[in-house]
Amino acid sequence: MAEKSSHPQKPFEFKISDETRQHFRTAREEFHKSVEGMLPPGFSEHHRKAHREMLLAWRSLIDSSLEHMEEERGKV
């Protein structure tokens, strides 16, 4: 029986060298820094807060829907 590893195998794990992977990571980090540099100050914080509020809105909608379902189930 084949043993399962605790970590799933990553695609192309043995086809891309560690050096190449590190270059990709560095390029990604530098790209993110360059994008942040183009955005006005405070944008990231505002975006994070807006995202949080949207998630809270979805949570509220889901909670309301679940309550409605429970009420309907109680009427049957």
N, C-alpha and C. Protein backbone atom coordinates (compact mmCIF):
# COMPACT_ATOMS: atom_id res chain seq x y z
N MET A 1 0.85 -1.18 0.00
CA MET A 1 0.00 0.00 0.00
C MET A 1 0.89 1.24 0.00
N ALA A 2 0.59 2.18 -0.87
CA ALA A 2 1.40 3.39 -0.99
C ALA A 2 1.08 4.34 0.15
N GLU A 3 2.12 4.95 0.71
CA GLU A 3 1.94 5.91 1.79
C GLU A 3 1.53 7.26 1.22
N LYS A 4 0.61 7.91 1.91
CA LYS A 4 0.22 9.25 1.51
C LYS A 4 1.09 10.24 2.27
N SER A 5 1.57 11.24 1.56
CA SER A 5 2.36 12.26 2.23
C SER A 5 1.43 13.22 2.95
N SER A 6 1.97 13.90 3.96
CA SER A 6 1.14 14.83 4.71
C SER A 6 0.87 16.11 3.92
N HIS A 7 1.66 16.37 2.89
CA HIS A 7 1.47 17.54 2.05
C HIS A 7 1.16 17.09 0.63
N PRO A 8 0.09 17.62 0.05
CA PRO A 8 -0.22 17.24 -1.34
C PRO A 8 0.90 17.71 -2.27
N GLN A 9 1.15 16.95 -3.30
CA GLN A 9 2.20 17.30 -4.25
C GLN A 9 1.79 18.54 -5.02
N LYS A 10 2.71 19.47 -5.15
CA LYS A 10 2.45 20.70 -5.88
C LYS A 10 2.64 20.44 -7.36
N PRO A 11 1.81 21.08 -8.20
CA PRO A 11 1.98 20.90 -9.65
C PRO A 11 3.38 21.36 -10.07
N PHE A 12 3.99 20.66 -10.94
CA PHE A 12 5.30 20.99 -11.51
C PHE A 12 6.41 21.02 -10.45
N GLU A 13 6.19 20.36 -9.31
CA GLU A 13 7.16 20.41 -8.21
C GLU A 13 8.56 19.99 -8.65
N PHE A 14 8.64 19.00 -9.49
CA PHE A 14 9.95 18.49 -9.90
C PHE A 14 10.39 19.03 -11.26
N LYS A 15 9.57 19.88 -11.86
CA LYS A 15 9.91 20.41 -13.18
C LYS A 15 10.44 21.83 -13.11
N ILE A 16 10.18 22.53 -12.01
CA ILE A 16 10.64 23.91 -11.87
C ILE A 16 11.65 23.95 -10.73
N SER A 17 12.79 24.48 -11.00
CA SER A 17 13.84 24.51 -9.98
C SER A 17 13.50 25.46 -8.84
N ASP A 18 14.14 25.23 -7.69
CA ASP A 18 13.95 26.11 -6.54
C ASP A 18 14.37 27.54 -6.86
N GLU A 19 15.43 27.67 -7.64
CA GLU A 19 15.91 29.00 -8.02
C GLU A 19 14.84 29.74 -8.84
N THR A 20 14.22 29.04 -9.77
CA THR A 20 13.17 29.64 -10.59
C THR A 20 11.98 30.03 -9.73
N ARG A 21 11.59 29.14 -8.80
CA ARG A 21 10.49 29.46 -7.89
C ARG A 21 10.78 30.72 -7.08
N GLN A 22 12.02 30.84 -6.60
CA GLN A 22 12.38 32.02 -5.82
C GLN A 22 12.30 33.28 -6.67
N HIS A 23 12.71 33.20 -7.94
CA HIS A 23 12.60 34.35 -8.83
C HIS A 23 11.12 34.75 -9.02
N PHE A 24 10.25 33.75 -9.18
CA PHE A 24 8.82 34.03 -9.31
C PHE A 24 8.28 34.71 -8.05
N ARG A 25 8.66 34.21 -6.87
CA ARG A 25 8.21 34.82 -5.61
C ARG A 25 8.67 36.27 -5.51
N THR A 26 9.94 36.50 -5.82
CA THR A 26 10.48 37.86 -5.76
C THR A 26 9.77 38.77 -6.75
N ALA A 27 9.53 38.28 -7.96
CA ALA A 27 8.83 39.07 -8.97
C ALA A 27 7.42 39.42 -8.50
N ARG A 28 6.73 38.44 -7.90
CA ARG A 28 5.38 38.69 -7.40
C ARG A 28 5.40 39.74 -6.29
N GLU A 29 6.33 39.63 -5.36
CA GLU A 29 6.44 40.61 -4.27
C GLU A 29 6.71 42.01 -4.81
N GLU A 30 7.62 42.11 -5.78
CA GLU A 30 7.95 43.42 -6.35
C GLU A 30 6.77 43.99 -7.13
N PHE A 31 6.03 43.12 -7.82
CA PHE A 31 4.85 43.58 -8.54
C PHE A 31 3.83 44.16 -7.57
N HIS A 32 3.59 43.45 -6.45
CA HIS A 32 2.65 43.95 -5.45
C HIS A 32 3.09 45.30 -4.90
N LYS A 33 4.38 45.45 -4.66
CA LYS A 33 4.90 46.72 -4.16
C LYS A 33 4.66 47.84 -5.19
N SER A 34 4.86 47.53 -6.47
CA SER A 34 4.69 48.56 -7.50
C SER A 34 3.23 48.97 -7.62
N VAL A 35 2.31 48.02 -7.49
CA VAL A 35 0.88 48.34 -7.54
C VAL A 35 0.51 49.20 -6.34
N GLU A 36 1.00 48.83 -5.16
CA GLU A 36 0.72 49.62 -3.95
C GLU A 36 1.23 51.04 -4.11
N GLY A 37 2.36 51.20 -4.81
CA GLY A 37 2.93 52.53 -5.02
C GLY A 37 2.07 53.41 -5.91
N MET A 38 1.26 52.80 -6.77
CA MET A 38 0.40 53.58 -7.67
C MET A 38 -0.91 54.00 -7.00
N LEU A 39 -1.27 53.34 -5.91
CA LEU A 39 -2.53 53.62 -5.24
C LEU A 39 -2.37 54.76 -4.25
N PRO A 40 -3.42 55.54 -4.07
CA PRO A 40 -3.34 56.66 -3.12
C PRO A 40 -3.18 56.13 -1.69
N PRO A 41 -2.57 56.95 -0.82
CA PRO A 41 -2.41 56.53 0.57
C PRO A 41 -3.78 56.25 1.20
N GLY A 42 -3.85 55.24 2.01
CA GLY A 42 -5.09 54.89 2.67
C GLY A 42 -6.01 53.98 1.87
N PHE A 43 -5.68 53.76 0.61
CA PHE A 43 -6.54 52.92 -0.23
C PHE A 43 -6.63 51.49 0.31
N SER A 44 -5.49 50.93 0.67
CA SER A 44 -5.48 49.54 1.15
C SER A 44 -6.32 49.37 2.39
N GLU A 45 -6.20 50.31 3.33
CA GLU A 45 -6.99 50.24 4.56
C GLU A 45 -8.48 50.39 4.25
N HIS A 46 -8.83 51.32 3.38
CA HIS A 46 -10.23 51.51 2.99
C HIS A 46 -10.77 50.25 2.31
N HIS A 47 -9.97 49.68 1.43
CA HIS A 47 -10.38 48.47 0.71
C HIS A 47 -10.62 47.32 1.69
N ARG A 48 -9.72 47.18 2.67
CA ARG A 48 -9.86 46.11 3.65
C ARG A 48 -11.14 46.29 4.46
N LYS A 49 -11.42 47.54 4.88
CA LYS A 49 -12.63 47.80 5.66
C LYS A 49 -13.88 47.56 4.83
N ALA A 50 -13.86 47.97 3.57
CA ALA A 50 -15.01 47.76 2.69
C ALA A 50 -15.26 46.27 2.49
N HIS A 51 -14.19 45.51 2.31
CA HIS A 51 -14.31 44.07 2.13
C HIS A 51 -14.92 43.43 3.38
N ARG A 52 -14.47 43.87 4.54
CA ARG A 52 -15.00 43.35 5.80
C ARG A 52 -16.50 43.64 5.90
N GLU A 53 -16.91 44.85 5.55
CA GLU A 53 -18.32 45.22 5.62
C GLU A 53 -19.16 44.38 4.67
N MET A 54 -18.62 44.09 3.49
CA MET A 54 -19.35 43.23 2.55
C MET A 54 -19.52 41.83 3.13
N LEU A 55 -18.48 41.31 3.75
CA LEU A 55 -18.59 39.98 4.36
C LEU A 55 -19.61 39.98 5.50
N LEU A 56 -19.63 41.04 6.29
CA LEU A 56 -20.62 41.15 7.36
C LEU A 56 -22.03 41.24 6.80
N ALA A 57 -22.19 41.93 5.67
CA ALA A 57 -23.51 42.01 5.02
C ALA A 57 -23.96 40.62 4.56
N TRP A 58 -23.04 39.85 3.96
CA TRP A 58 -23.39 38.49 3.54
C TRP A 58 -23.75 37.63 4.74
N ARG A 59 -22.99 37.78 5.84
CA ARG A 59 -23.28 37.02 7.05
C ARG A 59 -24.69 37.33 7.54
N SER A 60 -25.04 38.61 7.55
CA SER A 60 -26.37 39.03 7.99
C SER A 60 -27.46 38.44 7.09
N LEU A 61 -27.22 38.46 5.80
CA LEU A 61 -28.18 37.89 4.85
C LEU A 61 -28.36 36.39 5.09
N ILE A 62 -27.26 35.69 5.28
CA ILE A 62 -27.32 34.24 5.52
C ILE A 62 -28.03 33.95 6.84
N ASP A 63 -27.68 34.69 7.90
CA ASP A 63 -28.35 34.50 9.19
C ASP A 63 -29.85 34.72 9.08
N SER A 64 -30.24 35.77 8.38
CA SER A 64 -31.66 36.06 8.19
C SER A 64 -32.35 34.94 7.42
N SER A 65 -31.70 34.44 6.40
CA SER A 65 -32.28 33.34 5.61
C SER A 65 -32.43 32.08 6.45
N LEU A 66 -31.44 31.79 7.28
CA LEU A 66 -31.52 30.62 8.15
C LEU A 66 -32.65 30.76 9.17
N GLU A 67 -32.79 31.94 9.74
CA GLU A 67 -33.88 32.18 10.68
C GLU A 67 -35.24 31.99 10.00
N HIS A 68 -35.36 32.51 8.78
CA HIS A 68 -36.60 32.37 8.02
C HIS A 68 -36.89 30.89 7.76
N MET A 69 -35.87 30.13 7.41
CA MET A 69 -36.06 28.69 7.16
C MET A 69 -36.52 27.98 8.43
N GLU A 70 -35.94 28.34 9.57
CA GLU A 70 -36.33 27.71 10.84
C GLU A 70 -37.78 28.05 11.18
N GLU A 71 -38.18 29.31 10.94
CA GLU A 71 -39.56 29.71 11.19
C GLU A 71 -40.53 28.92 10.31
N GLU A 72 -40.17 28.77 9.03
CA GLU A 72 -41.03 28.03 8.11
C GLU A 72 -41.12 26.56 8.51
N ARG A 73 -40.02 26.00 8.98
CA ARG A 73 -40.02 24.60 9.38
C ARG A 73 -40.90 24.40 10.61
N GLY A 74 -40.92 25.41 11.50
CA GLY A 74 -41.74 25.33 12.69
C GLY A 74 -43.23 25.41 12.40
N LYS A 75 -43.61 26.00 11.29
CA LYS A 75 -45.02 26.16 10.92
C LYS A 75 -45.60 24.87 10.35
N VAL A 76 -44.75 23.99 9.85
CA VAL A 76 -45.23 22.76 9.18
C VAL A 76 -45.73 21.76 10.17
